[in-house]
PDB file of N, CA and C in Angstrom:
ATOM      1  N   UNK A   1     -23.046  27.329  38.929  1.00  0.00           N
ATOM      2  CA  UNK A   1     -22.048  27.456  38.314  1.00  0.00           C
ATOM      3  C   UNK A   1     -22.552  26.145  36.982  1.00  0.00           C
ATOM      4  N   UNK A   2     -22.591  25.032  37.924  1.00  0.00           N
ATOM      5  CA  UNK A   2     -22.689  23.969  37.553  1.00  0.00           C
ATOM      6  C   UNK A   2     -23.548  23.389  36.227  1.00  0.00           C
ATOM      7  N   UNK A   3     -25.180  24.022  37.300  1.00  0.00           N
ATOM      8  CA  UNK A   3     -26.055  23.641  36.813  1.00  0.00           C
ATOM      9  C   UNK A   3     -26.520  24.343  35.083  1.00  0.00           C
ATOM     10  N   UNK A   4     -26.288  25.467  35.305  1.00  0.00           N
ATOM     11  CA  UNK A   4     -26.290  26.981  34.028  1.00  0.00           C
ATOM     12  C   UNK A   4     -25.262  25.951  32.952  1.00  0.00           C
ATOM     13  N   UNK A   5     -23.947  25.444  33.120  1.00  0.00           N
ATOM     14  CA  UNK A   5     -23.350  24.793  31.856  1.00  0.00           C
ATOM     15  C   UNK A   5     -23.775  23.668  31.379  1.00  0.00           C
ATOM     16  N   UNK A   6     -24.095  23.027  32.765  1.00  0.00           N
ATOM     17  CA  UNK A   6     -25.248  21.704  32.031  1.00  0.00           C
ATOM     18  C   UNK A   6     -26.220  22.326  30.936  1.00  0.00           C
ATOM     19  N   UNK A   7     -26.708  23.052  31.311  1.00  0.00           N
ATOM     20  CA  UNK A   7     -28.142  23.415  30.435  1.00  0.00           C
ATOM     21  C   UNK A   7     -27.772  24.447  29.200  1.00  0.00           C
ATOM     22  N   UNK A   8     -26.543  25.143  29.418  1.00  0.00           N
ATOM     23  CA  UNK A   8     -26.083  25.390  27.811  1.00  0.00           C
ATOM     24  C   UNK A   8     -25.794  24.138  26.813  1.00  0.00           C
ATOM     25  N   UNK A   9     -24.835  23.185  27.847  1.00  0.00           N
ATOM     26  CA  UNK A   9     -24.261  22.359  26.627  1.00  0.00           C
ATOM     27  C   UNK A   9     -25.511  20.978  26.089  1.00  0.00           C
ATOM     28  N   UNK A  10     -26.624  20.722  27.280  1.00  0.00           N
ATOM     29  CA  UNK A  10     -28.001  20.317  26.307  1.00  0.00           C
ATOM     30  C   UNK A  10     -28.186  21.203  25.441  1.00  0.00           C
ATOM     31  N   UNK A  11     -28.275  22.029  25.571  1.00  0.00           N
ATOM     32  CA  UNK A  11     -29.172  22.880  24.609  1.00  0.00           C
ATOM     33  C   UNK A  11     -28.248  23.145  23.383  1.00  0.00           C
ATOM     34  N   UNK A  12     -27.071  23.157  23.127  1.00  0.00           N
ATOM     35  CA  UNK A  12     -26.497  23.321  22.308  1.00  0.00           C
ATOM     36  C   UNK A  12     -26.275  21.910  21.827  1.00  0.00           C
ATOM     37  N   UNK A  13     -26.168  21.074  22.151  1.00  0.00           N
ATOM     38  CA  UNK A  13     -26.568  19.347  22.205  1.00  0.00           C
ATOM     39  C   UNK A  13     -27.720  19.183  21.312  1.00  0.00           C
ATOM     40  N   UNK A  14     -28.827  20.126  21.672  1.00  0.00           N
ATOM     41  CA  UNK A  14     -30.223  19.742  21.112  1.00  0.00           C
ATOM     42  C   UNK A  14     -30.204  20.510  20.007  1.00  0.00           C
ATOM     43  N   UNK A  15     -29.204  21.678  19.893  1.00  0.00           N
ATOM     44  CA  UNK A  15     -29.478  22.391  18.123  1.00  0.00           C
ATOM     45  C   UNK A  15     -28.482  21.868  17.677  1.00  0.00           C
ATOM     46  N   UNK A  16     -27.844  21.203  17.900  1.00  0.00           N
ATOM     47  CA  UNK A  16     -26.741  20.195  16.954  1.00  0.00           C
ATOM     48  C   UNK A  16     -27.472  19.656  16.037  1.00  0.00           C
ATOM     49  N   UNK A  17     -28.446  18.199  16.624  1.00  0.00           N
ATOM     50  CA  UNK A  17     -29.167  17.335  16.515  1.00  0.00           C
ATOM     51  C   UNK A  17     -30.280  17.668  15.449  1.00  0.00           C
ATOM     52  N   UNK A  18     -31.286  18.988  16.249  1.00  0.00           N
ATOM     53  CA  UNK A  18     -32.475  19.474  15.128  1.00  0.00           C
ATOM     54  C   UNK A  18     -31.757  19.868  13.726  1.00  0.00           C
ATOM     55  N   UNK A  19     -30.563  20.751  14.222  1.00  0.00           N
ATOM     56  CA  UNK A  19     -29.465  20.982  12.442  1.00  0.00           C
ATOM     57  C   UNK A  19     -29.340  19.497  12.313  1.00  0.00           C
ATOM     58  N   UNK A  20     -28.955  18.450  12.581  1.00  0.00           N
ATOM     59  CA  UNK A  20     -28.661  17.237  11.526  1.00  0.00           C
ATOM     60  C   UNK A  20     -29.868  16.530  11.176  1.00  0.00           C
ATOM     61  N   UNK A  21     -31.054  16.263  12.076  1.00  0.00           N
ATOM     62  CA  UNK A  21     -31.982  15.783  11.630  1.00  0.00           C
ATOM     63  C   UNK A  21     -32.990  16.834  10.492  1.00  0.00           C
ATOM     64  N   UNK A  22     -32.647  18.464  10.290  1.00  0.00           N
ATOM     65  CA  UNK A  22     -32.738  18.748   9.106  1.00  0.00           C
ATOM     66  C   UNK A  22     -32.210  18.518   7.726  1.00  0.00           C
ATOM     67  N   UNK A  23     -30.843  18.850   7.575  1.00  0.00           N
ATOM     68  CA  UNK A  23     -29.981  18.663   7.039  1.00  0.00           C
ATOM     69  C   UNK A  23     -30.964  16.605   6.421  1.00  0.00           C
ATOM     70  N   UNK A  24     -30.538  15.733   7.185  1.00  0.00           N
ATOM     71  CA  UNK A  24     -30.821  14.334   6.653  1.00  0.00           C
ATOM     72  C   UNK A  24     -32.062  14.824   5.880  1.00  0.00           C
ATOM     73  N   UNK A  25     -33.187  15.331   6.070  1.00  0.00           N
ATOM     74  CA  UNK A  25     -34.212  15.037   6.217  1.00  0.00           C
ATOM     75  C   UNK A  25     -34.167  15.600   4.491  1.00  0.00           C
ATOM     76  N   UNK A  26     -33.498  16.803   4.770  1.00  0.00           N
ATOM     77  CA  UNK A  26     -33.439  18.044   3.010  1.00  0.00           C
ATOM     78  C   UNK A  26     -32.169  16.610   2.301  1.00  0.00           C
ATOM     79  N   UNK A  27     -31.464  15.600   2.567  1.00  0.00           N
ATOM     80  CA  UNK A  27     -30.626  15.055   1.926  1.00  0.00           C
ATOM     81  C   UNK A  27     -31.672  13.809   1.031  1.00  0.00           C
ATOM     82  N   UNK A  28     -32.333  13.103   2.283  1.00  0.00           N
ATOM     83  CA  UNK A  28     -33.522  12.726   1.592  1.00  0.00           C
ATOM     84  C   UNK A  28     -34.901  12.979   0.337  1.00  0.00           C
ATOM     85  N   UNK A  29     -35.029  14.193   1.067  1.00  0.00           N
ATOM     86  CA  UNK A  29     -36.039  14.447  -0.006  1.00  0.00           C
ATOM     87  C   UNK A  29     -35.407  14.912  -1.387  1.00  0.00           C
ATOM     88  N   UNK A  30     -34.019  15.122  -1.258  1.00  0.00           N
ATOM     89  CA  UNK A  30     -32.984  15.569  -2.732  1.00  0.00           C
ATOM     90  C   UNK A  30     -33.477  14.414  -3.404  1.00  0.00           C
ATOM     91  N   UNK A  31     -33.020  13.022  -2.799  1.00  0.00           N
ATOM     92  CA  UNK A  31     -32.322  12.171  -3.021  1.00  0.00           C
ATOM     93  C   UNK A  31     -33.542  11.390  -3.653  1.00  0.00           C
ATOM     94  N   UNK A  32     -34.602  11.335  -2.636  1.00  0.00           N
ATOM     95  CA  UNK A  32     -36.075  11.029  -3.909  1.00  0.00           C
ATOM     96  C   UNK A  32     -36.508  11.613  -4.737  1.00  0.00           C
ATOM     97  N   UNK A  33     -36.095  12.545  -4.802  1.00  0.00           N
ATOM     98  CA  UNK A  33     -36.509  13.556  -6.186  1.00  0.00           C
ATOM     99  C   UNK A  33     -35.498  13.034  -7.051  1.00  0.00           C
ATOM    100  N   UNK A  34     -34.302  12.979  -6.793  1.00  0.00           N
ATOM    101  CA  UNK A  34     -32.983  12.281  -7.787  1.00  0.00           C
ATOM    102  C   UNK A  34     -33.488  11.303  -8.300  1.00  0.00           C
ATOM    103  N   UNK A  35     -34.166  10.611  -7.346  1.00  0.00           N
ATOM    104  CA  UNK A  35     -35.064   8.725  -8.153  1.00  0.00           C
ATOM    105  C   UNK A  35     -36.085   8.803  -8.766  1.00  0.00           C
ATOM    106  N   UNK A  36     -37.243  10.029  -8.230  1.00  0.00           N
ATOM    107  CA  UNK A  36     -38.228  10.117  -9.505  1.00  0.00           C
ATOM    108  C   UNK A  36     -37.760  10.880 -10.723  1.00  0.00           C
ATOM    109  N   UNK A  37     -36.753  11.578 -10.815  1.00  0.00           N
ATOM    110  CA  UNK A  37     -36.248  11.793 -12.588  1.00  0.00           C
ATOM    111  C   UNK A  37     -35.787  10.736 -12.912  1.00  0.00           C
ATOM    112  N   UNK A  38     -34.672   9.866 -12.182  1.00  0.00           N
ATOM    113  CA  UNK A  38     -33.914   9.134 -12.684  1.00  0.00           C
ATOM    114  C   UNK A  38     -35.380   7.749 -13.707  1.00  0.00           C
ATOM    115  N   UNK A  39     -36.391   7.467 -12.567  1.00  0.00           N
ATOM    116  CA  UNK A  39     -37.313   7.049 -12.491  1.00  0.00           C
ATOM    117  C   UNK A  39     -38.502   7.542 -14.196  1.00  0.00           C
ATOM    118  N   UNK A  40     -38.668   8.042 -14.581  1.00  0.00           N
ATOM    119  CA  UNK A  40     -39.236   9.184 -15.047  1.00  0.00           C
ATOM    120  C   UNK A  40     -38.535   9.246 -16.679  1.00  0.00           C
ATOM    121  N   UNK A  41     -37.180   9.412 -16.482  1.00  0.00           N
ATOM    122  CA  UNK A  41     -36.267   9.189 -17.711  1.00  0.00           C
ATOM    123  C   UNK A  41     -35.727   7.632 -18.362  1.00  0.00           C
ATOM    124  N   UNK A  42     -35.812   6.722 -17.692  1.00  0.00           N
ATOM    125  CA  UNK A  42     -35.837   5.675 -17.842  1.00  0.00           C
ATOM    126  C   UNK A  42     -37.004   4.851 -18.484  1.00  0.00           C
ATOM    127  N   UNK A  43     -37.998   5.727 -18.099  1.00  0.00           N
ATOM    128  CA  UNK A  43     -39.763   5.184 -18.769  1.00  0.00           C
ATOM    129  C   UNK A  43     -39.397   5.640 -20.050  1.00  0.00           C
ATOM    130  N   UNK A  44     -39.193   7.075 -20.328  1.00  0.00           N
ATOM    131  CA  UNK A  44     -39.658   7.914 -20.995  1.00  0.00           C
ATOM    132  C   UNK A  44     -38.358   7.006 -22.390  1.00  0.00           C
ATOM    133  N   UNK A  45     -37.153   6.455 -22.026  1.00  0.00           N
ATOM    134  CA  UNK A  45     -36.591   5.394 -23.053  1.00  0.00           C
ATOM    135  C   UNK A  45     -36.908   4.146 -23.204  1.00  0.00           C
ATOM    136  N   UNK A  46     -37.234   3.736 -21.897  1.00  0.00           N
ATOM    137  CA  UNK A  46     -38.039   2.344 -22.627  1.00  0.00           C
ATOM    138  C   UNK A  46     -38.992   2.671 -24.153  1.00  0.00           C
ATOM    139  N   UNK A  47     -40.191   3.761 -23.466  1.00  0.00           N
ATOM    140  CA  UNK A  47     -41.060   4.087 -24.597  1.00  0.00           C
ATOM    141  C   UNK A  47     -40.569   4.264 -26.222  1.00  0.00           C
ATOM    142  N   UNK A  48     -39.476   4.959 -25.938  1.00  0.00           N
ATOM    143  CA  UNK A  48     -38.749   5.296 -27.032  1.00  0.00           C
ATOM    144  C   UNK A  48     -38.306   4.246 -27.896  1.00  0.00           C
ATOM    145  N   UNK A  49     -37.801   3.013 -26.915  1.00  0.00           N
ATOM    146  CA  UNK A  49     -37.691   1.827 -27.953  1.00  0.00           C
ATOM    147  C   UNK A  49     -38.218   1.086 -27.923  1.00  0.00           C
ATOM    148  N   UNK A  50     -39.770   1.114 -27.361  1.00  0.00           N
ATOM    149  CA  UNK A  50     -40.489   0.086 -28.101  1.00  0.00           C
ATOM    150  C   UNK A  50     -40.975   0.431 -29.050  1.00  0.00           C
ATOM    151  N   UNK A  51     -40.953   2.018 -29.642  1.00  0.00           N
ATOM    152  CA  UNK A  51     -41.576   3.151 -30.562  1.00  0.00           C
ATOM    153  C   UNK A  51     -41.383   1.773 -31.550  1.00  0.00           C
TER     154      UNK A  51
END
C-alpha cells in the first residue's frame, strides 16, 4: 500500500511539474512575441520621425 501511494504521489508531482513547465514556456513565447511586436512598432515610429 505504501509503495502504491508513493508511486501515485510521484506521478501526480511529475504531471504538475510538466504542466508548469509547459505553461512557463508558453508564457515565455508570448512575452517574446510581445517584445518583437513592440520592437517593430518602435522601428516604425523611428522611421516616421526620421522622414
